[in-house]
Amino acid sequence: MGMVARAATLTATLCVGAMVGTEVHAAGYTETQYPIVLAHGMSGFDSLFGVIDYWPGIPQALEQDGAQVFVTEVSQFNDTAVRGQQLLDQVEEIVALTGAGKVNLIGHSHGGLDVRWVAAQRPDLVASVTTVGSPHKGAELADVVRGVLQEGSLGETVLAGLAGGLGSLLALLSGTSNPQDPVAALEALTSDGAATFNAAYPQGLPASACGEGEAVVDGVHYFSWSGTRALTNVFDVSDAMLGITSLVYSEDNDGLVGHCSAHLGTVIRDDYHQNHLDEVNLVFGMVDWWSVNPKTLYRQHANRLKNLGL
């Protein structure tokens, strides 16, 4: 085969790979020193019936080139400290099981606050904290909901009952029985709730309104990224809901979290063409086909951690 033909073949291979969200990398590309632990957001889970995953295809994309990945599950609706303690219990089990000494934590949405809590409590067990679309300064939608549903009101009681029932059902379907407290979860994601949390756990927070935080605190490396597109795929029914919720926000957002609120530590990027669900490859991988694939971002980040010796 001539040089021109070989070049054409390579170009075609790379183009096809880009379209299907795959990459060509050497073996060991994602082989981090410490295991990667994934922490879901509000109303999340690990897997329902072993069929519907919160992180569809992401653990496999990381594992295919060497990463050791663990998917955790905590209460679908609860306060950050409660969810954080549940996550810490699992981290301690993972460290004991693997003998790795530490883990790389990646949290999506409310899960980003959970991983911060774990790192603050046990920095000796955490090599890095990465948050994806997490409301570190609170979510404006949570403020609106809290304003409408006054404490002790009938509306609050009804919503708490519905959300609590949903959380219990999701827990049952995924094989767990964690306690649910939707009101505490809502409070945690308001601006006031975030401010209280940040006062206690400031590690990695930006000093300015939309800047970057310290890259390393107490030996833990901090990273974040997020998206700013609510509508990304015409075939994804969840886009319509996120398109509506995005209107509540005063800044660019992913439908549920503002891009400045998502900043923590080293900000990898805060304007991916992804909405809040795209950030974890939901729903069923129906993301923006013309933008970077979410699985690629996680693989690139694993390689980033590897190159840092993490």
C-alpha atoms as a PDB file:
ATOM      1  CA  MET A   1       0.000   0.000   0.000  1.00  0.00           C
ATOM      2  CA  GLY A   2       1.410   3.410  -0.967  1.00  0.00           C
ATOM      3  CA  MET A   3       1.962   6.296   1.424  1.00  0.00           C
ATOM      4  CA  VAL A   4      -1.078   8.210   0.137  1.00  0.00           C
ATOM      5  CA  ALA A   5      -3.310   5.147   0.494  1.00  0.00           C
ATOM      6  CA  ARG A   6      -2.055   4.484   4.021  1.00  0.00           C
ATOM      7  CA  ALA A   7      -2.693   8.111   4.982  1.00  0.00           C
ATOM      8  CA  ALA A   8      -6.209   7.940   3.546  1.00  0.00           C
ATOM      9  CA  THR A   9      -6.921   4.733   5.465  1.00  0.00           C
ATOM     10  CA  LEU A  10      -5.664   6.253   8.719  1.00  0.00           C
ATOM     11  CA  THR A  11      -7.742   9.401   8.181  1.00  0.00           C
ATOM     12  CA  ALA A  12     -10.869   7.348   7.508  1.00  0.00           C
ATOM     13  CA  THR A  13     -10.266   5.250  10.625  1.00  0.00           C
ATOM     14  CA  LEU A  14      -9.887   8.319  12.817  1.00  0.00           C
ATOM     15  CA  CYS A  15     -12.995   9.950  11.345  1.00  0.00           C
ATOM     16  CA  VAL A  16     -15.114   6.858  11.927  1.00  0.00           C
ATOM     17  CA  GLY A  17     -13.728   6.578  15.448  1.00  0.00           C
ATOM     18  CA  ALA A  18     -14.661  10.178  16.182  1.00  0.00           C
ATOM     19  CA  MET A  19     -18.224   9.624  14.958  1.00  0.00           C
ATOM     20  CA  VAL A  20     -18.813   6.615  17.206  1.00  0.00           C
ATOM     21  CA  GLY A  21     -17.050   8.134  20.226  1.00  0.00           C
ATOM     22  CA  THR A  22     -14.004   5.863  20.224  1.00  0.00           C
ATOM     23  CA  GLU A  23     -10.317   6.702  20.169  1.00  0.00           C
ATOM     24  CA  VAL A  24      -7.068   5.120  19.119  1.00  0.00           C
ATOM     25  CA  HIS A  25      -4.631   5.059  22.059  1.00  0.00           C
ATOM     26  CA  ALA A  26      -1.833   2.879  23.316  1.00  0.00           C
ATOM     27  CA  ALA A  27      -2.588   0.240  25.928  1.00  0.00           C
ATOM     28  CA  GLY A  28      -2.504   1.688  29.425  1.00  0.00           C
ATOM     29  CA  TYR A  29      -3.879   5.085  28.356  1.00  0.00           C
ATOM     30  CA  THR A  30      -6.358   5.153  31.273  1.00  0.00           C
ATOM     31  CA  GLU A  31      -4.312   3.095  33.741  1.00  0.00           C
ATOM     32  CA  THR A  32      -4.255   5.350  36.795  1.00  0.00           C
ATOM     33  CA  GLN A  33      -2.216   4.476  39.862  1.00  0.00           C
ATOM     34  CA  TYR A  34      -5.301   4.614  42.075  1.00  0.00           C
ATOM     35  CA  PRO A  35      -8.805   3.241  41.379  1.00  0.00           C
ATOM     36  CA  ILE A  36     -11.435   5.581  39.952  1.00  0.00           C
ATOM     37  CA  VAL A  37     -14.619   5.848  42.022  1.00  0.00           C
ATOM     38  CA  LEU A  38     -17.775   7.263  40.400  1.00  0.00           C
ATOM     39  CA  ALA A  39     -20.377   9.029  42.582  1.00  0.00           C
ATOM     40  CA  HIS A  40     -23.847   9.775  41.176  1.00  0.00           C
ATOM     41  CA  GLY A  41     -26.007  12.856  41.620  1.00  0.00           C
ATOM     42  CA  MET A  42     -29.484  13.440  43.034  1.00  0.00           C
ATOM     43  CA  SER A  43     -31.975  10.689  42.121  1.00  0.00           C
ATOM     44  CA  GLY A  44     -29.063   8.648  40.789  1.00  0.00           C
ATOM     45  CA  PHE A  45     -28.129   4.984  41.128  1.00  0.00           C
ATOM     46  CA  ASP A  46     -25.486   2.561  39.982  1.00  0.00           C
ATOM     47  CA  SER A  47     -27.594   0.300  37.769  1.00  0.00           C
ATOM     48  CA  LEU A  48     -31.296  -0.592  37.607  1.00  0.00           C
ATOM     49  CA  PHE A  49     -31.811  -4.338  37.155  1.00  0.00           C
ATOM     50  CA  GLY A  50     -28.243  -4.385  35.859  1.00  0.00           C
ATOM     51  CA  VAL A  51     -29.584  -2.962  32.581  1.00  0.00           C
ATOM     52  CA  ILE A  52     -30.018   0.824  32.908  1.00  0.00           C
ATOM     53  CA  ASP A  53     -26.834   2.513  34.103  1.00  0.00           C
ATOM     54  CA  TYR A  54     -26.339   5.998  35.509  1.00  0.00           C
ATOM     55  CA  TRP A  55     -22.930   6.114  33.770  1.00  0.00           C
ATOM     56  CA  PRO A  56     -23.703   4.229  30.521  1.00  0.00           C
ATOM     57  CA  GLY A  57     -20.508   3.087  28.839  1.00  0.00           C
ATOM     58  CA  ILE A  58     -18.215   5.255  30.967  1.00  0.00           C
ATOM     59  CA  PRO A  59     -16.796   2.584  33.325  1.00  0.00           C
ATOM     60  CA  GLN A  60     -16.172   0.308  30.336  1.00  0.00           C
ATOM     61  CA  ALA A  61     -14.490   3.113  28.384  1.00  0.00           C
ATOM     62  CA  LEU A  62     -12.150   3.704  31.324  1.00  0.00           C
ATOM     63  CA  GLU A  63     -11.465   0.035  31.975  1.00  0.00           C
ATOM     64  CA  GLN A  64     -10.639  -0.884  28.386  1.00  0.00           C
ATOM     65  CA  ASP A  65      -7.202   0.719  28.650  1.00  0.00           C
ATOM     66  CA  GLY A  66      -6.309  -0.130  32.215  1.00  0.00           C
ATOM     67  CA  ALA A  67      -8.336   1.842  34.770  1.00  0.00           C
ATOM     68  CA  GLN A  68      -9.833   0.077  37.759  1.00  0.00           C
ATOM     69  CA  VAL A  69     -13.329   1.526  38.222  1.00  0.00           C
ATOM     70  CA  PHE A  70     -15.889   1.293  41.013  1.00  0.00           C
ATOM     71  CA  VAL A  71     -19.459   2.614  40.722  1.00  0.00           C
ATOM     72  CA  THR A  72     -20.999   3.598  44.052  1.00  0.00           C
ATOM     73  CA  GLU A  73     -24.546   4.267  45.219  1.00  0.00           C
ATOM     74  CA  VAL A  74     -25.838   6.497  48.014  1.00  0.00           C
ATOM     75  CA  SER A  75     -29.254   7.866  49.016  1.00  0.00           C
ATOM     76  CA  GLN A  76     -31.028   9.270  45.975  1.00  0.00           C
ATOM     77  CA  PHE A  77     -32.347  12.223  48.006  1.00  0.00           C
ATOM     78  CA  ASN A  78     -30.579  13.311  51.181  1.00  0.00           C
ATOM     79  CA  ASP A  79     -28.246  15.820  52.787  1.00  0.00           C
ATOM     80  CA  THR A  80     -24.646  15.949  51.554  1.00  0.00           C
ATOM     81  CA  ALA A  81     -23.215  14.789  54.889  1.00  0.00           C
ATOM     82  CA  VAL A  82     -25.479  11.721  54.894  1.00  0.00           C
ATOM     83  CA  ARG A  83     -24.647  10.862  51.295  1.00  0.00           C
ATOM     84  CA  GLY A  84     -20.994  11.665  51.920  1.00  0.00           C
ATOM     85  CA  GLN A  85     -20.753   9.270  54.851  1.00  0.00           C
ATOM     86  CA  GLN A  86     -22.356   6.521  52.773  1.00  0.00           C
ATOM     87  CA  LEU A  87     -19.794   7.204  50.049  1.00  0.00           C
ATOM     88  CA  LEU A  88     -16.913   7.248  52.527  1.00  0.00           C
ATOM     89  CA  ASP A  89     -17.959   3.839  53.839  1.00  0.00           C
ATOM     90  CA  GLN A  90     -17.686   2.485  50.289  1.00  0.00           C
ATOM     91  CA  VAL A  91     -14.361   4.234  49.677  1.00  0.00           C
ATOM     92  CA  GLU A  92     -12.925   2.589  52.782  1.00  0.00           C
ATOM     93  CA  GLU A  93     -14.110  -0.791  51.483  1.00  0.00           C
ATOM     94  CA  ILE A  94     -12.563  -0.138  48.063  1.00  0.00           C
ATOM     95  CA  VAL A  95      -9.226   0.875  49.585  1.00  0.00           C
ATOM     96  CA  ALA A  96      -9.221  -2.244  51.757  1.00  0.00           C
ATOM     97  CA  LEU A  97     -10.209  -4.464  48.823  1.00  0.00           C
ATOM     98  CA  THR A  98      -7.639  -3.125  46.364  1.00  0.00           C
ATOM     99  CA  GLY A  99      -4.833  -2.247  48.747  1.00  0.00           C
ATOM    100  CA  ALA A 100      -4.320   0.887  46.647  1.00  0.00           C
ATOM    101  CA  GLY A 101      -4.195   3.238  49.619  1.00  0.00           C
ATOM    102  CA  LYS A 102      -6.144   5.990  47.849  1.00  0.00           C
ATOM    103  CA  VAL A 103      -8.810   6.562  45.198  1.00  0.00           C
ATOM    104  CA  ASN A 104      -9.594   9.092  42.477  1.00  0.00           C
ATOM    105  CA  LEU A 105     -13.106  10.412  43.140  1.00  0.00           C
ATOM    106  CA  ILE A 106     -15.338  11.647  40.306  1.00  0.00           C
ATOM    107  CA  GLY A 107     -18.740  13.044  41.254  1.00  0.00           C
ATOM    108  CA  HIS A 108     -21.559  14.257  39.028  1.00  0.00           C
ATOM    109  CA  SER A 109     -24.046  16.918  40.154  1.00  0.00           C
ATOM    110  CA  HIS A 110     -24.808  16.443  43.886  1.00  0.00           C
ATOM    111  CA  GLY A 111     -22.202  13.682  43.802  1.00  0.00           C
ATOM    112  CA  GLY A 112     -19.589  16.407  43.377  1.00  0.00           C
ATOM    113  CA  LEU A 113     -20.467  17.740  46.823  1.00  0.00           C
ATOM    114  CA  ASP A 114     -20.354  14.216  48.225  1.00  0.00           C
ATOM    115  CA  VAL A 115     -16.809  13.635  46.971  1.00  0.00           C
ATOM    116  CA  ARG A 116     -15.722  16.986  48.403  1.00  0.00           C
ATOM    117  CA  TRP A 117     -17.110  15.915  51.782  1.00  0.00           C
ATOM    118  CA  VAL A 118     -15.203  12.630  51.641  1.00  0.00           C
ATOM    119  CA  ALA A 119     -11.950  14.380  50.700  1.00  0.00           C
ATOM    120  CA  ALA A 120     -12.368  16.867  53.542  1.00  0.00           C
ATOM    121  CA  GLN A 121     -12.984  14.093  56.065  1.00  0.00           C
ATOM    122  CA  ARG A 122     -10.317  11.666  54.839  1.00  0.00           C
ATOM    123  CA  PRO A 123      -7.762  13.381  52.579  1.00  0.00           C
ATOM    124  CA  ASP A 124      -5.414  10.483  53.307  1.00  0.00           C
ATOM    125  CA  LEU A 125      -7.693   8.214  51.252  1.00  0.00           C
ATOM    126  CA  VAL A 126      -8.153  10.564  48.289  1.00  0.00           C
ATOM    127  CA  ALA A 127      -5.676  11.225  45.472  1.00  0.00           C
ATOM    128  CA  SER A 128      -7.974  13.493  43.471  1.00  0.00           C
ATOM    129  CA  VAL A 129     -11.451  15.013  43.418  1.00  0.00           C
ATOM    130  CA  THR A 130     -13.147  15.742  40.101  1.00  0.00           C
ATOM    131  CA  THR A 131     -16.617  17.242  39.872  1.00  0.00           C
ATOM    132  CA  VAL A 132     -18.766  17.264  36.749  1.00  0.00           C
ATOM    133  CA  GLY A 133     -21.671  19.710  36.534  1.00  0.00           C
ATOM    134  CA  SER A 134     -21.800  20.159  40.313  1.00  0.00           C
ATOM    135  CA  PRO A 135     -23.550  23.148  41.979  1.00  0.00           C
ATOM    136  CA  HIS A 136     -20.771  24.298  44.310  1.00  0.00           C
ATOM    137  CA  LYS A 137     -22.455  27.670  44.797  1.00  0.00           C
ATOM    138  CA  GLY A 138     -25.926  26.188  44.733  1.00  0.00           C
ATOM    139  CA  ALA A 139     -28.452  25.810  41.922  1.00  0.00           C
ATOM    140  CA  GLU A 140     -30.808  28.661  41.053  1.00  0.00           C
ATOM    141  CA  LEU A 141     -33.554  26.136  40.338  1.00  0.00           C
ATOM    142  CA  ALA A 142     -33.282  24.865  43.924  1.00  0.00           C
ATOM    143  CA  ASP A 143     -33.678  28.451  45.164  1.00  0.00           C
ATOM    144  CA  VAL A 144     -36.830  28.866  43.074  1.00  0.00           C
ATOM    145  CA  VAL A 145     -38.330  25.588  44.302  1.00  0.00           C
ATOM    146  CA  ARG A 146     -37.454  26.396  47.914  1.00  0.00           C
ATOM    147  CA  GLY A 147     -39.078  29.819  47.509  1.00  0.00           C
ATOM    148  CA  VAL A 148     -42.299  28.313  46.185  1.00  0.00           C
ATOM    149  CA  LEU A 149     -42.451  25.465  48.688  1.00  0.00           C
ATOM    150  CA  GLN A 150     -42.370  27.175  52.056  1.00  0.00           C
ATOM    151  CA  GLU A 151     -41.156  25.199  55.051  1.00  0.00           C
ATOM    152  CA  GLY A 152     -43.943  23.097  56.529  1.00  0.00           C
ATOM    153  CA  SER A 153     -46.343  23.846  53.659  1.00  0.00           C
ATOM    154  CA  LEU A 154     -48.653  21.307  52.064  1.00  0.00           C
ATOM    155  CA  GLY A 155     -46.718  21.640  48.825  1.00  0.00           C
ATOM    156  CA  GLU A 156     -43.475  20.744  50.574  1.00  0.00           C
ATOM    157  CA  THR A 157     -45.109  17.727  52.195  1.00  0.00           C
ATOM    158  CA  VAL A 158     -46.542  16.487  48.902  1.00  0.00           C
ATOM    159  CA  LEU A 159     -43.283  16.972  46.981  1.00  0.00           C
ATOM    160  CA  ALA A 160     -41.272  15.315  49.749  1.00  0.00           C
ATOM    161  CA  GLY A 161     -43.615  12.341  49.669  1.00  0.00           C
ATOM    162  CA  LEU A 162     -43.393  11.965  45.899  1.00  0.00           C
ATOM    163  CA  ALA A 163     -39.613  12.405  45.751  1.00  0.00           C
ATOM    164  CA  GLY A 164     -39.106  10.125  48.732  1.00  0.00           C
ATOM    165  CA  GLY A 165     -41.212   7.455  47.065  1.00  0.00           C
ATOM    166  CA  LEU A 166     -39.232   7.803  43.850  1.00  0.00           C
ATOM    167  CA  GLY A 167     -35.956   7.569  45.735  1.00  0.00           C
ATOM    168  CA  SER A 168     -37.070   4.452  47.591  1.00  0.00           C
ATOM    169  CA  LEU A 169     -38.208   2.855  44.326  1.00  0.00           C
ATOM    170  CA  LEU A 170     -34.894   3.610  42.603  1.00  0.00           C
ATOM    171  CA  ALA A 171     -33.020   2.227  45.602  1.00  0.00           C
ATOM    172  CA  LEU A 172     -35.131  -0.935  45.537  1.00  0.00           C
ATOM    173  CA  LEU A 173     -34.618  -1.433  41.801  1.00  0.00           C
ATOM    174  CA  SER A 174     -30.869  -1.058  42.216  1.00  0.00           C
ATOM    175  CA  GLY A 175     -30.716  -3.392  45.201  1.00  0.00           C
ATOM    176  CA  THR A 176     -30.164  -0.937  48.061  1.00  0.00           C
ATOM    177  CA  SER A 177     -32.253   0.537  50.869  1.00  0.00           C
ATOM    178  CA  ASN A 178     -30.652   3.868  51.711  1.00  0.00           C
ATOM    179  CA  PRO A 179     -32.791   6.415  53.630  1.00  0.00           C
ATOM    180  CA  GLN A 180     -34.432   9.285  51.745  1.00  0.00           C
ATOM    181  CA  ASP A 181     -34.871  12.929  52.825  1.00  0.00           C
ATOM    182  CA  PRO A 182     -35.881  15.063  49.813  1.00  0.00           C
ATOM    183  CA  VAL A 183     -36.238  18.279  51.831  1.00  0.00           C
ATOM    184  CA  ALA A 184     -32.684  17.957  53.170  1.00  0.00           C
ATOM    185  CA  ALA A 185     -31.482  17.291  49.616  1.00  0.00           C
ATOM    186  CA  LEU A 186     -33.239  20.414  48.332  1.00  0.00           C
ATOM    187  CA  GLU A 187     -31.819  22.549  51.136  1.00  0.00           C
ATOM    188  CA  ALA A 188     -28.305  21.285  50.377  1.00  0.00           C
ATOM    189  CA  LEU A 189     -28.513  22.530  46.792  1.00  0.00           C
ATOM    190  CA  THR A 190     -29.853  26.026  47.507  1.00  0.00           C
ATOM    191  CA  SER A 191     -27.497  29.003  47.544  1.00  0.00           C
ATOM    192  CA  ASP A 192     -27.777  29.232  51.333  1.00  0.00           C
ATOM    193  CA  GLY A 193     -27.169  25.516  51.751  1.00  0.00           C
ATOM    194  CA  ALA A 194     -24.135  25.668  49.484  1.00  0.00           C
ATOM    195  CA  ALA A 195     -22.751  28.676  51.369  1.00  0.00           C
ATOM    196  CA  THR A 196     -23.001  26.814  54.666  1.00  0.00           C
ATOM    197  CA  PHE A 197     -21.333  23.749  53.165  1.00  0.00           C
ATOM    198  CA  ASN A 198     -18.574  25.833  51.563  1.00  0.00           C
ATOM    199  CA  ALA A 199     -17.803  27.601  54.827  1.00  0.00           C
ATOM    200  CA  ALA A 200     -17.115  24.216  56.402  1.00  0.00           C
ATOM    201  CA  TYR A 201     -15.382  22.651  53.388  1.00  0.00           C
ATOM    202  CA  PRO A 202     -13.647  25.345  51.280  1.00  0.00           C
ATOM    203  CA  GLN A 203     -11.042  23.074  49.674  1.00  0.00           C
ATOM    204  CA  GLY A 204     -10.646  23.835  45.966  1.00  0.00           C
ATOM    205  CA  LEU A 205     -13.224  26.632  45.842  1.00  0.00           C
ATOM    206  CA  PRO A 206     -12.457  29.660  43.634  1.00  0.00           C
ATOM    207  CA  ALA A 207     -11.744  32.928  45.426  1.00  0.00           C
ATOM    208  CA  SER A 208     -13.434  34.921  42.635  1.00  0.00           C
ATOM    209  CA  ALA A 209     -16.954  34.670  41.243  1.00  0.00           C
ATOM    210  CA  CYS A 210     -16.040  32.550  38.233  1.00  0.00           C
ATOM    211  CA  GLY A 211     -12.380  31.687  38.628  1.00  0.00           C
ATOM    212  CA  GLU A 212     -10.365  28.627  39.536  1.00  0.00           C
ATOM    213  CA  GLY A 213      -9.580  27.266  42.969  1.00  0.00           C
ATOM    214  CA  GLU A 214      -6.366  25.854  44.378  1.00  0.00           C
ATOM    215  CA  ALA A 215      -5.218  22.886  42.330  1.00  0.00           C
ATOM    216  CA  VAL A 216      -3.932  20.891  45.305  1.00  0.00           C
ATOM    217  CA  VAL A 217      -5.146  21.068  48.914  1.00  0.00           C
ATOM    218  CA  ASP A 218      -3.988  18.711  51.682  1.00  0.00           C
ATOM    219  CA  GLY A 219      -2.360  16.556  49.011  1.00  0.00           C
ATOM    220  CA  VAL A 220      -5.635  16.159  47.081  1.00  0.00           C
ATOM    221  CA  HIS A 221      -5.803  17.351  43.453  1.00  0.00           C
ATOM    222  CA  TYR A 222      -9.024  19.187  42.506  1.00  0.00           C
ATOM    223  CA  PHE A 223     -10.582  19.379  39.006  1.00  0.00           C
ATOM    224  CA  SER A 224     -13.931  20.257  37.442  1.00  0.00           C
ATOM    225  CA  TRP A 225     -15.737  20.506  34.126  1.00  0.00           C
ATOM    226  CA  SER A 226     -19.286  21.213  32.948  1.00  0.00           C
ATOM    227  CA  GLY A 227     -21.505  21.914  29.954  1.00  0.00           C
ATOM    228  CA  THR A 228     -23.573  24.899  28.835  1.00  0.00           C
ATOM    229  CA  ARG A 229     -26.125  23.499  26.393  1.00  0.00           C
ATOM    230  CA  ALA A 230     -29.597  22.430  27.488  1.00  0.00           C
ATOM    231  CA  LEU A 231     -30.742  21.334  24.022  1.00  0.00           C
ATOM    232  CA  THR A 232     -28.276  18.958  22.379  1.00  0.00           C
ATOM    233  CA  ASN A 233     -30.161  16.130  20.668  1.00  0.00           C
ATOM    234  CA  VAL A 234     -33.603  16.348  19.070  1.00  0.00           C
ATOM    235  CA  PHE A 235     -34.208  12.653  19.786  1.00  0.00           C
ATOM    236  CA  ASP A 236     -33.573  12.984  23.537  1.00  0.00           C
ATOM    237  CA  VAL A 237     -36.891  13.577  25.334  1.00  0.00           C
ATOM    238  CA  SER A 238     -35.099  14.919  28.433  1.00  0.00           C
ATOM    239  CA  ASP A 239     -33.802  17.911  26.471  1.00  0.00           C
ATOM    240  CA  ALA A 240     -37.220  19.599  26.538  1.00  0.00           C
ATOM    241  CA  MET A 241     -37.327  19.505  30.341  1.00  0.00           C
ATOM    242  CA  LEU A 242     -33.784  20.846  30.639  1.00  0.00           C
ATOM    243  CA  GLY A 243     -34.569  23.524  28.076  1.00  0.00           C
ATOM    244  CA  ILE A 244     -37.350  24.779  30.351  1.00  0.00           C
ATOM    245  CA  THR A 245     -35.336  24.630  33.582  1.00  0.00           C
ATOM    246  CA  SER A 246     -32.420  26.414  31.906  1.00  0.00           C
ATOM    247  CA  LEU A 247     -34.581  29.548  31.621  1.00  0.00           C
ATOM    248  CA  VAL A 248     -34.436  29.992  35.404  1.00  0.00           C
ATOM    249  CA  TYR A 249     -30.703  30.711  35.321  1.00  0.00           C
ATOM    250  CA  SER A 250     -28.947  34.059  35.035  1.00  0.00           C
ATOM    251  CA  GLU A 251     -25.781  32.524  33.556  1.00  0.00           C
ATOM    252  CA  ASP A 252     -24.882  29.938  30.932  1.00  0.00           C
ATOM    253  CA  ASN A 253     -25.878  26.535  32.259  1.00  0.00           C
ATOM    254  CA  ASP A 254     -26.424  22.860  31.483  1.00  0.00           C
ATOM    255  CA  GLY A 255     -30.120  22.998  32.335  1.00  0.00           C
ATOM    256  CA  LEU A 256     -29.626  22.460  36.072  1.00  0.00           C
ATOM    257  CA  VAL A 257     -26.266  23.992  37.070  1.00  0.00           C
ATOM    258  CA  GLY A 258     -24.702  27.339  36.150  1.00  0.00           C
ATOM    259  CA  HIS A 259     -21.239  27.162  34.606  1.00  0.00           C
ATOM    260  CA  CYS A 260     -19.594  29.394  37.239  1.00  0.00           C
ATOM    261  CA  SER A 261     -21.235  27.450  40.059  1.00  0.00           C
ATOM    262  CA  ALA A 262     -19.602  24.308  38.638  1.00  0.00           C
ATOM    263  CA  HIS A 263     -16.051  25.658  39.078  1.00  0.00           C
ATOM    264  CA  LEU A 264     -13.731  23.840  41.489  1.00  0.00           C
ATOM    265  CA  GLY A 265      -9.949  23.555  41.554  1.00  0.00           C
ATOM    266  CA  THR A 266      -8.455  23.341  38.070  1.00  0.00           C
ATOM    267  CA  VAL A 267     -11.294  24.048  35.637  1.00  0.00           C
ATOM    268  CA  ILE A 268     -10.720  21.822  32.625  1.00  0.00           C
ATOM    269  CA  ARG A 269     -13.535  23.494  30.689  1.00  0.00           C
ATOM    270  CA  ASP A 270     -16.957  24.936  31.512  1.00  0.00           C
ATOM    271  CA  ASP A 271     -18.627  25.231  28.114  1.00  0.00           C
ATOM    272  CA  TYR A 272     -18.901  21.769  26.601  1.00  0.00           C
ATOM    273  CA  HIS A 273     -21.886  21.273  24.299  1.00  0.00           C
ATOM    274  CA  GLN A 274     -23.518  19.048  26.899  1.00  0.00           C
ATOM    275  CA  ASN A 275     -26.521  19.312  29.167  1.00  0.00           C
ATOM    276  CA  HIS A 276     -26.724  17.967  32.705  1.00  0.00           C
ATOM    277  CA  LEU A 277     -27.559  14.427  31.613  1.00  0.00           C
ATOM    278  CA  ASP A 278     -25.151  14.405  28.665  1.00  0.00           C
ATOM    279  CA  GLU A 279     -22.335  14.904  31.176  1.00  0.00           C
ATOM    280  CA  VAL A 280     -22.755  11.256  32.217  1.00  0.00           C
ATOM    281  CA  ASN A 281     -23.743  10.012  28.740  1.00  0.00           C
ATOM    282  CA  LEU A 282     -27.484   9.975  29.498  1.00  0.00           C
ATOM    283  CA  VAL A 283     -30.067   9.393  28.224  1.00  0.00           C
ATOM    284  CA  PHE A 284     -28.926   6.185  26.480  1.00  0.00           C
ATOM    285  CA  GLY A 285     -25.978   8.020  24.948  1.00  0.00           C
ATOM    286  CA  MET A 286     -28.165  10.474  23.010  1.00  0.00           C
ATOM    287  CA  VAL A 287     -25.782  13.421  23.246  1.00  0.00           C
ATOM    288  CA  ASP A 288     -24.593  16.065  20.785  1.00  0.00           C
ATOM    289  CA  TRP A 289     -23.227  13.923  17.956  1.00  0.00           C
ATOM    290  CA  TRP A 290     -21.047  16.753  16.635  1.00  0.00           C
ATOM    291  CA  SER A 291     -19.323  17.554  19.921  1.00  0.00           C
ATOM    292  CA  VAL A 292     -16.807  15.635  22.015  1.00  0.00           C
ATOM    293  CA  ASN A 293     -18.246  12.384  23.337  1.00  0.00           C
ATOM    294  CA  PRO A 294     -18.657  12.292  27.152  1.00  0.00           C
ATOM    295  CA  LYS A 295     -16.804   8.968  27.327  1.00  0.00           C
ATOM    296  CA  THR A 296     -13.839  10.625  25.653  1.00  0.00           C
ATOM    297  CA  LEU A 297     -13.719  13.293  28.367  1.00  0.00           C
ATOM    298  CA  TYR A 298     -13.537  10.678  31.119  1.00  0.00           C
ATOM    299  CA  ARG A 299     -10.828   8.773  29.254  1.00  0.00           C
ATOM    300  CA  GLN A 300      -8.814  11.936  28.707  1.00  0.00           C
ATOM    301  CA  HIS A 301      -9.153  12.786  32.369  1.00  0.00           C
ATOM    302  CA  ALA A 302      -8.006   9.335  33.440  1.00  0.00           C
ATOM    303  CA  ASN A 303      -4.930   9.855  31.277  1.00  0.00           C
ATOM    304  CA  ARG A 304      -4.445  13.269  32.903  1.00  0.00           C
ATOM    305  CA  LEU A 305      -4.534  11.638  36.330  1.00  0.00           C
ATOM    306  CA  LYS A 306      -2.163   8.920  35.164  1.00  0.00           C
ATOM    307  CA  ASN A 307       0.359  11.484  33.931  1.00  0.00           C
ATOM    308  CA  LEU A 308       0.237  13.169  37.351  1.00  0.00           C
ATOM    309  CA  GLY A 309       1.055   9.865  39.015  1.00  0.00           C
ATOM    310  CA  LEU A 310      -2.450   9.539  40.392  1.00  0.00           C
END
